[in-house]
Amino acid sequence: MTTADDRTEQAAEHPFGPELGPLVDEVRRLAAAVGQKAQEASADTLISLAGFADRLREQQPDVYGHLAAAGSGLAAVGGELVAAYRAAVAGHEHRWTAGDPARSERIDLDTPDGPSDKQ
């Protein structure tokens, strides 16, 4: 038979009652496991982001500088992001637009009378 002292002891053990106590314990274990996995994933993400930042700093120092300034709040964020974009594509745009245009190449099409001689 259950006495009042036993019920008080069980209530102190499980604040939600004896019926929900095991469920609450399972939810706590699940939350702990999910939290641990989230920490592991965030650590992996931070490591890969640090590697990306190092490569960006070495390969595109102008872009890195603008992104760092945008993140530090020293300047208008929008302006720094635009400047980072410009710095990233400036070299490519120059390469695409500079230099001599492609030379024209004569294409031997079929003559109106018949197929080409180059078969």
PDB file of N, CA and C in Angstrom:
ATOM      1  N   MET A   1       0.831  -1.168   0.000  1.00  0.00           N
ATOM      2  CA  MET A   1       0.000   0.000   0.000  1.00  0.00           C
ATOM      3  C   MET A   1       0.878   1.234   0.000  1.00  0.00           C
ATOM      4  N   THR A   2       0.438   2.249  -0.709  1.00  0.00           N
ATOM      5  CA  THR A   2       1.217   3.460  -0.854  1.00  0.00           C
ATOM      6  C   THR A   2       0.834   4.448   0.234  1.00  0.00           C
ATOM      7  N   THR A   3       1.824   4.982   0.889  1.00  0.00           N
ATOM      8  CA  THR A   3       1.552   5.973   1.927  1.00  0.00           C
ATOM      9  C   THR A   3       1.771   7.359   1.366  1.00  0.00           C
ATOM     10  N   ALA A   4       1.408   8.350   2.126  1.00  0.00           N
ATOM     11  CA  ALA A   4       1.572   9.743   1.701  1.00  0.00           C
ATOM     12  C   ALA A   4       3.047  10.074   1.550  1.00  0.00           C
ATOM     13  N   ASP A   5       3.876   9.473   2.392  1.00  0.00           N
ATOM     14  CA  ASP A   5       5.316   9.732   2.296  1.00  0.00           C
ATOM     15  C   ASP A   5       5.878   9.180   0.991  1.00  0.00           C
ATOM     16  N   ASP A   6       5.410   8.010   0.555  1.00  0.00           N
ATOM     17  CA  ASP A   6       5.867   7.422  -0.701  1.00  0.00           C
ATOM     18  C   ASP A   6       5.474   8.304  -1.881  1.00  0.00           C
ATOM     19  N   ARG A   7       4.241   8.828  -1.834  1.00  0.00           N
ATOM     20  CA  ARG A   7       3.780   9.686  -2.936  1.00  0.00           C
ATOM     21  C   ARG A   7       4.579  10.984  -2.981  1.00  0.00           C
ATOM     22  N   THR A   8       4.893  11.542  -1.834  1.00  0.00           N
ATOM     23  CA  THR A   8       5.679  12.771  -1.779  1.00  0.00           C
ATOM     24  C   THR A   8       7.077  12.507  -2.328  1.00  0.00           C
ATOM     25  N   GLU A   9       7.618  11.340  -1.988  1.00  0.00           N
ATOM     26  CA  GLU A   9       8.938  10.971  -2.478  1.00  0.00           C
ATOM     27  C   GLU A   9       8.934  10.814  -4.000  1.00  0.00           C
ATOM     28  N   GLN A  10       7.907  10.172  -4.540  1.00  0.00           N
ATOM     29  CA  GLN A  10       7.810   9.997  -5.986  1.00  0.00           C
ATOM     30  C   GLN A  10       7.591  11.332  -6.684  1.00  0.00           C
ATOM     31  N   ALA A  11       6.787  12.199  -6.079  1.00  0.00           N
ATOM     32  CA  ALA A  11       6.540  13.509  -6.682  1.00  0.00           C
ATOM     33  C   ALA A  11       7.819  14.327  -6.700  1.00  0.00           C
ATOM     34  N   ALA A  12       8.637  14.208  -5.666  1.00  0.00           N
ATOM     35  CA  ALA A  12       9.902  14.935  -5.649  1.00  0.00           C
ATOM     36  C   ALA A  12      10.853  14.353  -6.684  1.00  0.00           C
ATOM     37  N   GLU A  13      10.739  13.051  -6.890  1.00  0.00           N
ATOM     38  CA  GLU A  13      11.592  12.389  -7.861  1.00  0.00           C
ATOM     39  C   GLU A  13      11.203  12.782  -9.283  1.00  0.00           C
ATOM     40  N   HIS A  14       9.923  12.822  -9.587  1.00  0.00           N
ATOM     41  CA  HIS A  14       9.409  13.195 -10.901  1.00  0.00           C
ATOM     42  C   HIS A  14       8.374  14.294 -10.723  1.00  0.00           C
ATOM     43  N   PRO A  15       8.730  15.541 -11.001  1.00  0.00           N
ATOM     44  CA  PRO A  15       7.791  16.644 -10.778  1.00  0.00           C
ATOM     45  C   PRO A  15       6.524  16.542 -11.622  1.00  0.00           C
ATOM     46  N   PHE A  16       6.546  15.759 -12.703  1.00  0.00           N
ATOM     47  CA  PHE A  16       5.360  15.636 -13.546  1.00  0.00           C
ATOM     48  C   PHE A  16       4.530  14.412 -13.183  1.00  0.00           C
ATOM     49  N   GLY A  17       4.904  13.734 -12.127  1.00  0.00           N
ATOM     50  CA  GLY A  17       4.151  12.575 -11.680  1.00  0.00           C
ATOM     51  C   GLY A  17       4.779  11.286 -12.152  1.00  0.00           C
ATOM     52  N   PRO A  18       4.360  10.174 -11.543  1.00  0.00           N
ATOM     53  CA  PRO A  18       4.960   8.889 -11.884  1.00  0.00           C
ATOM     54  C   PRO A  18       4.632   8.426 -13.298  1.00  0.00           C
ATOM     55  N   GLU A  19       3.504   8.886 -13.860  1.00  0.00           N
ATOM     56  CA  GLU A  19       3.144   8.450 -15.209  1.00  0.00           C
ATOM     57  C   GLU A  19       4.041   9.097 -16.265  1.00  0.00           C
ATOM     58  N   LEU A  20       4.331  10.372 -16.079  1.00  0.00           N
ATOM     59  CA  LEU A  20       5.115  11.106 -17.074  1.00  0.00           C
ATOM     60  C   LEU A  20       6.611  11.113 -16.776  1.00  0.00           C
ATOM     61  N   GLY A  21       6.993  10.648 -15.618  1.00  0.00           N
ATOM     62  CA  GLY A  21       8.402  10.662 -15.231  1.00  0.00           C
ATOM     63  C   GLY A  21       9.322   9.988 -16.232  1.00  0.00           C
ATOM     64  N   PRO A  22       9.042   8.740 -16.638  1.00  0.00           N
ATOM     65  CA  PRO A  22       9.919   8.084 -17.618  1.00  0.00           C
ATOM     66  C   PRO A  22       9.957   8.814 -18.965  1.00  0.00           C
ATOM     67  N   LEU A  23       8.817   9.357 -19.368  1.00  0.00           N
ATOM     68  CA  LEU A  23       8.782  10.107 -20.630  1.00  0.00           C
ATOM     69  C   LEU A  23       9.658  11.353 -20.543  1.00  0.00           C
ATOM     70  N   VAL A  24       9.580  12.051 -19.422  1.00  0.00           N
ATOM     71  CA  VAL A  24      10.402  13.246 -19.221  1.00  0.00           C
ATOM     72  C   VAL A  24      11.884  12.872 -19.240  1.00  0.00           C
ATOM     73  N   ASP A  25      12.222  11.757 -18.618  1.00  0.00           N
ATOM     74  CA  ASP A  25      13.621  11.309 -18.630  1.00  0.00           C
ATOM     75  C   ASP A  25      14.096  11.007 -20.047  1.00  0.00           C
ATOM     76  N   GLU A  26      13.241  10.369 -20.842  1.00  0.00           N
ATOM     77  CA  GLU A  26      13.595  10.073 -22.232  1.00  0.00           C
ATOM     78  C   GLU A  26      13.793  11.354 -23.033  1.00  0.00           C
ATOM     79  N   VAL A  27      12.919  12.331 -22.812  1.00  0.00           N
ATOM     80  CA  VAL A  27      13.048  13.610 -23.522  1.00  0.00           C
ATOM     81  C   VAL A  27      14.349  14.298 -23.123  1.00  0.00           C
ATOM     82  N   ARG A  28      14.705  14.227 -21.853  1.00  0.00           N
ATOM     83  CA  ARG A  28      15.974  14.821 -21.401  1.00  0.00           C
ATOM     84  C   ARG A  28      17.165  14.143 -22.078  1.00  0.00           C
ATOM     85  N   ARG A  29      17.133  12.819 -22.152  1.00  0.00           N
ATOM     86  CA  ARG A  29      18.230  12.098 -22.809  1.00  0.00           C
ATOM     87  C   ARG A  29      18.301  12.448 -24.295  1.00  0.00           C
ATOM     88  N   LEU A  30      17.130  12.545 -24.928  1.00  0.00           N
ATOM     89  CA  LEU A  30      17.096  12.920 -26.343  1.00  0.00           C
ATOM     90  C   LEU A  30      17.666  14.324 -26.541  1.00  0.00           C
ATOM     91  N   ALA A  31      17.259  15.261 -25.688  1.00  0.00           N
ATOM     92  CA  ALA A  31      17.762  16.630 -25.802  1.00  0.00           C
ATOM     93  C   ALA A  31      19.276  16.673 -25.596  1.00  0.00           C
ATOM     94  N   ALA A  32      19.780  15.883 -24.661  1.00  0.00           N
ATOM     95  CA  ALA A  32      21.229  15.848 -24.426  1.00  0.00           C
ATOM     96  C   ALA A  32      21.959  15.286 -25.643  1.00  0.00           C
ATOM     97  N   ALA A  33      21.406  14.224 -26.241  1.00  0.00           N
ATOM     98  CA  ALA A  33      22.045  13.630 -27.421  1.00  0.00           C
ATOM     99  C   ALA A  33      22.010  14.586 -28.605  1.00  0.00           C
ATOM    100  N   VAL A  34      20.878  15.252 -28.807  1.00  0.00           N
ATOM    101  CA  VAL A  34      20.766  16.211 -29.912  1.00  0.00           C
ATOM    102  C   VAL A  34      21.715  17.383 -29.684  1.00  0.00           C
ATOM    103  N   GLY A  35      21.796  17.854 -28.453  1.00  0.00           N
ATOM    104  CA  GLY A  35      22.711  18.950 -28.143  1.00  0.00           C
ATOM    105  C   GLY A  35      24.160  18.584 -28.397  1.00  0.00           C
ATOM    106  N   GLN A  36      24.527  17.355 -28.041  1.00  0.00           N
ATOM    107  CA  GLN A  36      25.899  16.906 -28.277  1.00  0.00           C
ATOM    108  C   GLN A  36      26.194  16.835 -29.769  1.00  0.00           C
ATOM    109  N   LYS A  37      25.265  16.286 -30.546  1.00  0.00           N
ATOM    110  CA  LYS A  37      25.464  16.205 -32.003  1.00  0.00           C
ATOM    111  C   LYS A  37      25.541  17.603 -32.611  1.00  0.00           C
ATOM    112  N   ALA A  38      24.727  18.527 -32.118  1.00  0.00           N
ATOM    113  CA  ALA A  38      24.760  19.899 -32.635  1.00  0.00           C
ATOM    114  C   ALA A  38      26.107  20.551 -32.342  1.00  0.00           C
ATOM    115  N   GLN A  39      26.657  20.305 -31.160  1.00  0.00           N
ATOM    116  CA  GLN A  39      27.975  20.855 -30.834  1.00  0.00           C
ATOM    117  C   GLN A  39      29.049  20.271 -31.743  1.00  0.00           C
ATOM    118  N   GLU A  40      28.981  18.977 -31.997  1.00  0.00           N
ATOM    119  CA  GLU A  40      29.961  18.351 -32.887  1.00  0.00           C
ATOM    120  C   GLU A  40      29.856  18.915 -34.296  1.00  0.00           C
ATOM    121  N   ALA A  41      28.622  19.085 -34.774  1.00  0.00           N
ATOM    122  CA  ALA A  41      28.425  19.627 -36.120  1.00  0.00           C
ATOM    123  C   ALA A  41      28.893  21.070 -36.201  1.00  0.00           C
ATOM    124  N   SER A  42      28.614  21.854 -35.162  1.00  0.00           N
ATOM    125  CA  SER A  42      29.043  23.253 -35.206  1.00  0.00           C
ATOM    126  C   SER A  42      30.560  23.351 -35.136  1.00  0.00           C
ATOM    127  N   ALA A  43      31.199  22.455 -34.413  1.00  0.00           N
ATOM    128  CA  ALA A  43      32.662  22.464 -34.365  1.00  0.00           C
ATOM    129  C   ALA A  43      33.238  22.144 -35.738  1.00  0.00           C
ATOM    130  N   ASP A  44      32.663  21.147 -36.417  1.00  0.00           N
ATOM    131  CA  ASP A  44      33.124  20.815 -37.768  1.00  0.00           C
ATOM    132  C   ASP A  44      32.903  21.983 -38.718  1.00  0.00           C
ATOM    133  N   THR A  45      31.761  22.643 -38.591  1.00  0.00           N
ATOM    134  CA  THR A  45      31.453  23.790 -39.448  1.00  0.00           C
ATOM    135  C   THR A  45      32.436  24.924 -39.195  1.00  0.00           C
ATOM    136  N   LEU A  46      32.737  25.186 -37.929  1.00  0.00           N
ATOM    137  CA  LEU A  46      33.683  26.259 -37.617  1.00  0.00           C
ATOM    138  C   LEU A  46      35.068  25.954 -38.169  1.00  0.00           C
ATOM    139  N   ILE A  47      35.465  24.697 -38.099  1.00  0.00           N
ATOM    140  CA  ILE A  47      36.777  24.323 -38.636  1.00  0.00           C
ATOM    141  C   ILE A  47      36.812  24.535 -40.143  1.00  0.00           C
ATOM    142  N   SER A  48      35.749  24.114 -40.838  1.00  0.00           N
ATOM    143  CA  SER A  48      35.739  24.290 -42.293  1.00  0.00           C
ATOM    144  C   SER A  48      35.632  25.762 -42.664  1.00  0.00           C
ATOM    145  N   LEU A  49      34.887  26.554 -41.881  1.00  0.00           N
ATOM    146  CA  LEU A  49      34.805  27.991 -42.159  1.00  0.00           C
ATOM    147  C   LEU A  49      36.144  28.679 -41.910  1.00  0.00           C
ATOM    148  N   ALA A  50      36.866  28.232 -40.907  1.00  0.00           N
ATOM    149  CA  ALA A  50      38.186  28.811 -40.651  1.00  0.00           C
ATOM    150  C   ALA A  50      39.120  28.517 -41.817  1.00  0.00           C
ATOM    151  N   GLY A  51      39.050  27.305 -42.346  1.00  0.00           N
ATOM    152  CA  GLY A  51      39.861  26.968 -43.518  1.00  0.00           C
ATOM    153  C   GLY A  51      39.478  27.801 -44.720  1.00  0.00           C
ATOM    154  N   PHE A  52      38.178  28.019 -44.902  1.00  0.00           N
ATOM    155  CA  PHE A  52      37.705  28.855 -46.006  1.00  0.00           C
ATOM    156  C   PHE A  52      38.204  30.284 -45.839  1.00  0.00           C
ATOM    157  N   ALA A  53      38.139  30.806 -44.618  1.00  0.00           N
ATOM    158  CA  ALA A  53      38.598  32.174 -44.372  1.00  0.00           C
ATOM    159  C   ALA A  53      40.091  32.303 -44.660  1.00  0.00           C
ATOM    160  N   ASP A  54      40.870  31.302 -44.276  1.00  0.00           N
ATOM    161  CA  ASP A  54      42.312  31.342 -44.553  1.00  0.00           C
ATOM    162  C   ASP A  54      42.588  31.346 -46.052  1.00  0.00           C
ATOM    163  N   ARG A  55      41.884  30.475 -46.793  1.00  0.00           N
ATOM    164  CA  ARG A  55      42.077  30.440 -48.254  1.00  0.00           C
ATOM    165  C   ARG A  55      41.640  31.757 -48.884  1.00  0.00           C
ATOM    166  N   LEU A  56      40.532  32.316 -48.413  1.00  0.00           N
ATOM    167  CA  LEU A  56      40.044  33.583 -48.961  1.00  0.00           C
ATOM    168  C   LEU A  56      41.044  34.700 -48.681  1.00  0.00           C
ATOM    169  N   ARG A  57      41.599  34.719 -47.475  1.00  0.00           N
ATOM    170  CA  ARG A  57      42.572  35.755 -47.117  1.00  0.00           C
ATOM    171  C   ARG A  57      43.811  35.663 -47.995  1.00  0.00           C
ATOM    172  N   GLU A  58      44.244  34.442 -48.322  1.00  0.00           N
ATOM    173  CA  GLU A  58      45.431  34.266 -49.158  1.00  0.00           C
ATOM    174  C   GLU A  58      45.154  34.560 -50.628  1.00  0.00           C
ATOM    175  N   GLN A  59      44.023  34.075 -51.141  1.00  0.00           N
ATOM    176  CA  GLN A  59      43.752  34.169 -52.572  1.00  0.00           C
ATOM    177  C   GLN A  59      43.061  35.466 -52.969  1.00  0.00           C
ATOM    178  N   GLN A  60      42.234  36.017 -52.119  1.00  0.00           N
ATOM    179  CA  GLN A  60      41.476  37.237 -52.433  1.00  0.00           C
ATOM    180  C   GLN A  60      41.548  38.202 -51.246  1.00  0.00           C
ATOM    181  N   PRO A  61      42.695  38.823 -50.995  1.00  0.00           N
ATOM    182  CA  PRO A  61      42.810  39.682 -49.810  1.00  0.00           C
ATOM    183  C   PRO A  61      41.860  40.874 -49.831  1.00  0.00           C
ATOM    184  N   ASP A  62      41.559  41.427 -51.012  1.00  0.00           N
ATOM    185  CA  ASP A  62      40.629  42.557 -51.075  1.00  0.00           C
ATOM    186  C   ASP A  62      39.228  42.135 -50.645  1.00  0.00           C
ATOM    187  N   VAL A  63      38.787  41.001 -51.153  1.00  0.00           N
ATOM    188  CA  VAL A  63      37.458  40.490 -50.793  1.00  0.00           C
ATOM    189  C   VAL A  63      37.405  40.214 -49.297  1.00  0.00           C
ATOM    190  N   TYR A  64      38.440  39.581 -48.769  1.00  0.00           N
ATOM    191  CA  TYR A  64      38.485  39.274 -47.344  1.00  0.00           C
ATOM    192  C   TYR A  64      38.414  40.553 -46.510  1.00  0.00           C
ATOM    193  N   GLY A  65      39.149  41.569 -46.914  1.00  0.00           N
ATOM    194  CA  GLY A  65      39.133  42.830 -46.174  1.00  0.00           C
ATOM    195  C   GLY A  65      37.759  43.478 -46.152  1.00  0.00           C
ATOM    196  N   HIS A  66      37.077  43.474 -47.289  1.00  0.00           N
ATOM    197  CA  HIS A  66      35.738  44.069 -47.335  1.00  0.00           C
ATOM    198  C   HIS A  66      34.742  43.268 -46.495  1.00  0.00           C
ATOM    199  N   LEU A  67      34.822  41.940 -46.564  1.00  0.00           N
ATOM    200  CA  LEU A  67      33.909  41.125 -45.763  1.00  0.00           C
ATOM    201  C   LEU A  67      34.191  41.283 -44.272  1.00  0.00           C
ATOM    202  N   ALA A  68      35.457  41.401 -43.911  1.00  0.00           N
ATOM    203  CA  ALA A  68      35.803  41.609 -42.505  1.00  0.00           C
ATOM    204  C   ALA A  68      35.283  42.953 -42.020  1.00  0.00           C
ATOM    205  N   ALA A  69      35.395  43.985 -42.860  1.00  0.00           N
ATOM    206  CA  ALA A  69      34.882  45.301 -42.475  1.00  0.00           C
ATOM    207  C   ALA A  69      33.362  45.279 -42.359  1.00  0.00           C
ATOM    208  N   ALA A  70      32.691  44.532 -43.234  1.00  0.00           N
ATOM    209  CA  ALA A  70      31.230  44.440 -43.166  1.00  0.00           C
ATOM    210  C   ALA A  70      30.812  43.729 -41.885  1.00  0.00           C
ATOM    211  N   GLY A  71      31.568  42.741 -41.464  1.00  0.00           N
ATOM    212  CA  GLY A  71      31.225  41.997 -40.260  1.00  0.00           C
ATOM    213  C   GLY A  71      31.568  42.723 -38.980  1.00  0.00           C
ATOM    214  N   SER A  72      32.489  43.663 -39.034  1.00  0.00           N
ATOM    215  CA  SER A  72      32.904  44.352 -37.815  1.00  0.00           C
ATOM    216  C   SER A  72      32.034  45.546 -37.481  1.00  0.00           C
ATOM    217  N   GLY A  73      31.217  45.989 -38.411  1.00  0.00           N
ATOM    218  CA  GLY A  73      30.343  47.120 -38.149  1.00  0.00           C
ATOM    219  C   GLY A  73      31.045  48.456 -38.263  1.00  0.00           C
ATOM    220  N   LEU A  74      32.267  48.473 -38.805  1.00  0.00           N
ATOM    221  CA  LEU A  74      32.999  49.724 -38.934  1.00  0.00           C
ATOM    222  C   LEU A  74      32.460  50.589 -40.062  1.00  0.00           C
ATOM    223  N   ALA A  75      31.842  49.991 -41.024  1.00  0.00           N
ATOM    224  CA  ALA A  75      31.329  50.734 -42.175  1.00  0.00           C
ATOM    225  C   ALA A  75      29.925  50.240 -42.472  1.00  0.00           C
ATOM    226  N   ALA A  76      29.308  50.875 -43.441  1.00  0.00           N
ATOM    227  CA  ALA A  76      27.983  50.428 -43.857  1.00  0.00           C
ATOM    228  C   ALA A  76      28.103  49.023 -44.431  1.00  0.00           C
ATOM    229  N   VAL A  77      27.349  48.109 -43.895  1.00  0.00           N
ATOM    230  CA  VAL A  77      27.460  46.705 -44.287  1.00  0.00           C
ATOM    231  C   VAL A  77      27.152  46.529 -45.763  1.00  0.00           C
ATOM    232  N   GLY A  78      26.088  47.153 -46.253  1.00  0.00           N
ATOM    233  CA  GLY A  78      25.712  47.001 -47.658  1.00  0.00           C
ATOM    234  C   GLY A  78      26.810  47.462 -48.589  1.00  0.00           C
ATOM    235  N   GLY A  79      27.415  48.598 -48.280  1.00  0.00           N
ATOM    236  CA  GLY A  79      28.493  49.118 -49.117  1.00  0.00           C
ATOM    237  C   GLY A  79      29.695  48.195 -49.135  1.00  0.00           C
ATOM    238  N   GLU A  80      30.011  47.615 -47.992  1.00  0.00           N
ATOM    239  CA  GLU A  80      31.153  46.705 -47.922  1.00  0.00           C
ATOM    240  C   GLU A  80      30.870  45.406 -48.666  1.00  0.00           C
ATOM    241  N   LEU A  81      29.632  44.934 -48.611  1.00  0.00           N
ATOM    242  CA  LEU A  81      29.300  43.716 -49.356  1.00  0.00           C
ATOM    243  C   LEU A  81      29.383  43.960 -50.853  1.00  0.00           C
ATOM    244  N   VAL A  82      28.927  45.129 -51.298  1.00  0.00           N
ATOM    245  CA  VAL A  82      29.036  45.468 -52.720  1.00  0.00           C
ATOM    246  C   VAL A  82      30.505  45.582 -53.110  1.00  0.00           C
ATOM    247  N   ALA A  83      31.305  46.210 -52.253  1.00  0.00           N
ATOM    248  CA  ALA A  83      32.734  46.340 -52.542  1.00  0.00           C
ATOM    249  C   ALA A  83      33.404  44.964 -52.583  1.00  0.00           C
ATOM    250  N   ALA A  84      32.995  44.053 -51.707  1.00  0.00           N
ATOM    251  CA  ALA A  84      33.552  42.698 -51.734  1.00  0.00           C
ATOM    252  C   ALA A  84      33.184  41.998 -53.035  1.00  0.00           C
ATOM    253  N   TYR A  85      31.945  42.173 -53.483  1.00  0.00           N
ATOM    254  CA  TYR A  85      31.520  41.579 -54.759  1.00  0.00           C
ATOM    255  C   TYR A  85      32.345  42.148 -55.905  1.00  0.00           C
ATOM    256  N   ARG A  86      32.509  43.470 -55.913  1.00  0.00           N
ATOM    257  CA  ARG A  86      33.302  44.102 -56.981  1.00  0.00           C
ATOM    258  C   ARG A  86      34.729  43.580 -56.981  1.00  0.00           C
ATOM    259  N   ALA A  87      35.306  43.463 -55.797  1.00  0.00           N
ATOM    260  CA  ALA A  87      36.683  42.971 -55.711  1.00  0.00           C
ATOM    261  C   ALA A  87      36.770  41.522 -56.193  1.00  0.00           C
ATOM    262  N   ALA A  88      35.737  40.743 -55.925  1.00  0.00           N
ATOM    263  CA  ALA A  88      35.761  39.335 -56.330  1.00  0.00           C
ATOM    264  C   ALA A  88      35.648  39.173 -57.832  1.00  0.00           C
ATOM    265  N   VAL A  89      34.843  40.010 -58.484  1.00  0.00           N
ATOM    266  CA  VAL A  89      34.609  39.816 -59.919  1.00  0.00           C
ATOM    267  C   VAL A  89      35.442  40.735 -60.794  1.00  0.00           C
ATOM    268  N   ALA A  90      36.161  41.679 -60.198  1.00  0.00           N
ATOM    269  CA  ALA A  90      36.913  42.645 -61.004  1.00  0.00           C
ATOM    270  C   ALA A  90      37.924  41.950 -61.912  1.00  0.00           C
ATOM    271  N   GLY A  91      38.669  41.016 -61.378  1.00  0.00           N
ATOM    272  CA  GLY A  91      39.664  40.315 -62.192  1.00  0.00           C
ATOM    273  C   GLY A  91      39.026  39.515 -63.306  1.00  0.00           C
ATOM    274  N   HIS A  92      37.922  38.879 -63.006  1.00  0.00           N
ATOM    275  CA  HIS A  92      37.237  38.083 -64.025  1.00  0.00           C
ATOM    276  C   HIS A  92      36.647  38.976 -65.108  1.00  0.00           C
ATOM    277  N   GLU A  93      36.035  40.090 -64.701  1.00  0.00           N
ATOM    278  CA  GLU A  93      35.464  41.003 -65.693  1.00  0.00           C
ATOM    279  C   GLU A  93      36.550  41.559 -66.598  1.00  0.00           C
ATOM    280  N   HIS A  94      37.684  41.885 -66.013  1.00  0.00           N
ATOM    281  CA  HIS A  94      38.784  42.418 -66.807  1.00  0.00           C
ATOM    282  C   HIS A  94      39.248  41.371 -67.822  1.00  0.00           C
ATOM    283  N   ARG A  95      39.357  40.149 -67.379  1.00  0.00           N
ATOM    284  CA  ARG A  95      39.789  39.073 -68.270  1.00  0.00           C
ATOM    285  C   ARG A  95      38.767  38.848 -69.380  1.00  0.00           C
ATOM    286  N   TRP A  96      37.477  38.945 -69.042  1.00  0.00           N
ATOM    287  CA  TRP A  96      36.434  38.704 -70.034  1.00  0.00           C
ATOM    288  C   TRP A  96      36.350  39.819 -71.070  1.00  0.00           C
ATOM    289  N   THR A  97      36.598  41.053 -70.627  1.00  0.00           N
ATOM    290  CA  THR A  97      36.383  42.195 -71.516  1.00  0.00           C
ATOM    291  C   THR A  97      37.656  42.720 -72.147  1.00  0.00           C
ATOM    292  N   ALA A  98      38.810  42.354 -71.633  1.00  0.00           N
ATOM    293  CA  ALA A  98      40.062  42.898 -72.157  1.00  0.00           C
ATOM    294  C   ALA A  98      40.571  42.071 -73.331  1.00  0.00           C
ATOM    295  N   GLY A  99      41.514  42.668 -74.016  1.00  0.00           N
ATOM    296  CA  GLY A  99      42.172  41.947 -75.095  1.00  0.00           C
ATOM    297  C   GLY A  99      41.437  42.072 -76.414  1.00  0.00           C
ATOM    298  N   ASP A 100      42.038  41.439 -77.390  1.00  0.00           N
ATOM    299  CA  ASP A 100      41.458  41.467 -78.730  1.00  0.00           C
ATOM    300  C   ASP A 100      40.217  40.589 -78.774  1.00  0.00           C
ATOM    301  N   PRO A 101      39.254  41.009 -79.532  1.00  0.00           N
ATOM    302  CA  PRO A 101      38.097  40.136 -79.700  1.00  0.00           C
ATOM    303  C   PRO A 101      38.517  38.880 -80.455  1.00  0.00           C
ATOM    304  N   ALA A 102      37.749  37.874 -80.329  1.00  0.00           N
ATOM    305  CA  ALA A 102      38.069  36.618 -81.014  1.00  0.00           C
ATOM    306  C   ALA A 102      38.110  36.853 -82.513  1.00  0.00           C
ATOM    307  N   ARG A 103      39.121  36.259 -83.132  1.00  0.00           N
ATOM    308  CA  ARG A 103      39.237  36.413 -84.579  1.00  0.00           C
ATOM    309  C   ARG A 103      38.131  35.633 -85.263  1.00  0.00           C
ATOM    310  N   SER A 104      37.705  36.159 -86.377  1.00  0.00           N
ATOM    311  CA  SER A 104      36.663  35.449 -87.113  1.00  0.00           C
ATOM    312  C   SER A 104      37.285  34.255 -87.816  1.00  0.00           C
ATOM    313  N   GLU A 105      36.526  33.238 -87.936  1.00  0.00           N
ATOM    314  CA  GLU A 105      36.997  32.020 -88.561  1.00  0.00           C
ATOM    315  C   GLU A 105      36.061  31.688 -89.712  1.00  0.00           C
ATOM    316  N   ARG A 106      36.681  31.371 -90.819  1.00  0.00           N
ATOM    317  CA  ARG A 106      35.875  31.048 -91.990  1.00  0.00           C
ATOM    318  C   ARG A 106      35.298  29.656 -91.809  1.00  0.00           C
ATOM    319  N   ILE A 107      34.007  29.544 -91.960  1.00  0.00           N
ATOM    320  CA  ILE A 107      33.323  28.267 -91.843  1.00  0.00           C
ATOM    321  C   ILE A 107      32.895  27.849 -93.237  1.00  0.00           C
ATOM    322  N   ASP A 108      33.336  26.675 -93.632  1.00  0.00           N
ATOM    323  CA  ASP A 108      33.022  26.169 -94.959  1.00  0.00           C
ATOM    324  C   ASP A 108      31.656  25.489 -94.917  1.00  0.00           C
ATOM    325  N   LEU A 109      30.666  26.163 -95.456  1.00  0.00           N
ATOM    326  CA  LEU A 109      29.326  25.601 -95.507  1.00  0.00           C
ATOM    327  C   LEU A 109      29.115  24.904 -96.836  1.00  0.00           C
ATOM    328  N   ASP A 110      28.110  24.121 -96.871  1.00  0.00           N
ATOM    329  CA  ASP A 110      27.786  23.466 -98.140  1.00  0.00           C
ATOM    330  C   ASP A 110      27.519  24.525 -99.194  1.00  0.00           C
ATOM    331  N   THR A 111      27.991  24.253-100.380  1.00  0.00           N
ATOM    332  CA  THR A 111      27.723  25.186-101.482  1.00  0.00           C
ATOM    333  C   THR A 111      26.262  25.046-101.884  1.00  0.00           C
ATOM    334  N   PRO A 112      25.726  26.066-102.511  1.00  0.00           N
ATOM    335  CA  PRO A 112      24.312  25.976-102.890  1.00  0.00           C
ATOM    336  C   PRO A 112      24.024  24.795-103.828  1.00  0.00           C
ATOM    337  N   ASP A 113      25.023  24.361-104.608  1.00  0.00           N
ATOM    338  CA  ASP A 113      24.808  23.284-105.574  1.00  0.00           C
ATOM    339  C   ASP A 113      24.873  21.892-104.938  1.00  0.00           C
ATOM    340  N   GLY A 114      25.618  21.747-103.864  1.00  0.00           N
ATOM    341  CA  GLY A 114      25.781  20.413-103.308  1.00  0.00           C
ATOM    342  C   GLY A 114      26.609  20.451-102.044  1.00  0.00           C
ATOM    343  N   PRO A 115      27.061  19.289-101.573  1.00  0.00           N
ATOM    344  CA  PRO A 115      27.841  19.234-100.342  1.00  0.00           C
ATOM    345  C   PRO A 115      29.230  19.832-100.526  1.00  0.00           C
ATOM    346  N   SER A 116      29.859  20.087 -99.422  1.00  0.00           N
ATOM    347  CA  SER A 116      31.194  20.664 -99.398  1.00  0.00           C
ATOM    348  C   SER A 116      32.200  19.680 -99.980  1.00  0.00           C
ATOM    349  N   ASP A 117      33.332  20.217-100.438  1.00  0.00           N
ATOM    350  CA  ASP A 117      34.403  19.385-100.971  1.00  0.00           C
ATOM    351  C   ASP A 117      35.182  18.687 -99.853  1.00  0.00           C
ATOM    352  N   LYS A 118      35.014  19.149 -98.625  1.00  0.00           N
ATOM    353  CA  LYS A 118      35.779  18.611 -97.488  1.00  0.00           C
ATOM    354  C   LYS A 118      34.998  17.495 -96.796  1.00  0.00           C
ATOM    355  N   GLN A 119      34.934  16.362 -97.398  1.00  0.00           N
ATOM    356  CA  GLN A 119      34.253  15.250 -96.731  1.00  0.00           C
ATOM    357  C   GLN A 119      35.148  14.091 -96.545  1.00  0.00           C
TER     358      GLN A 119
END
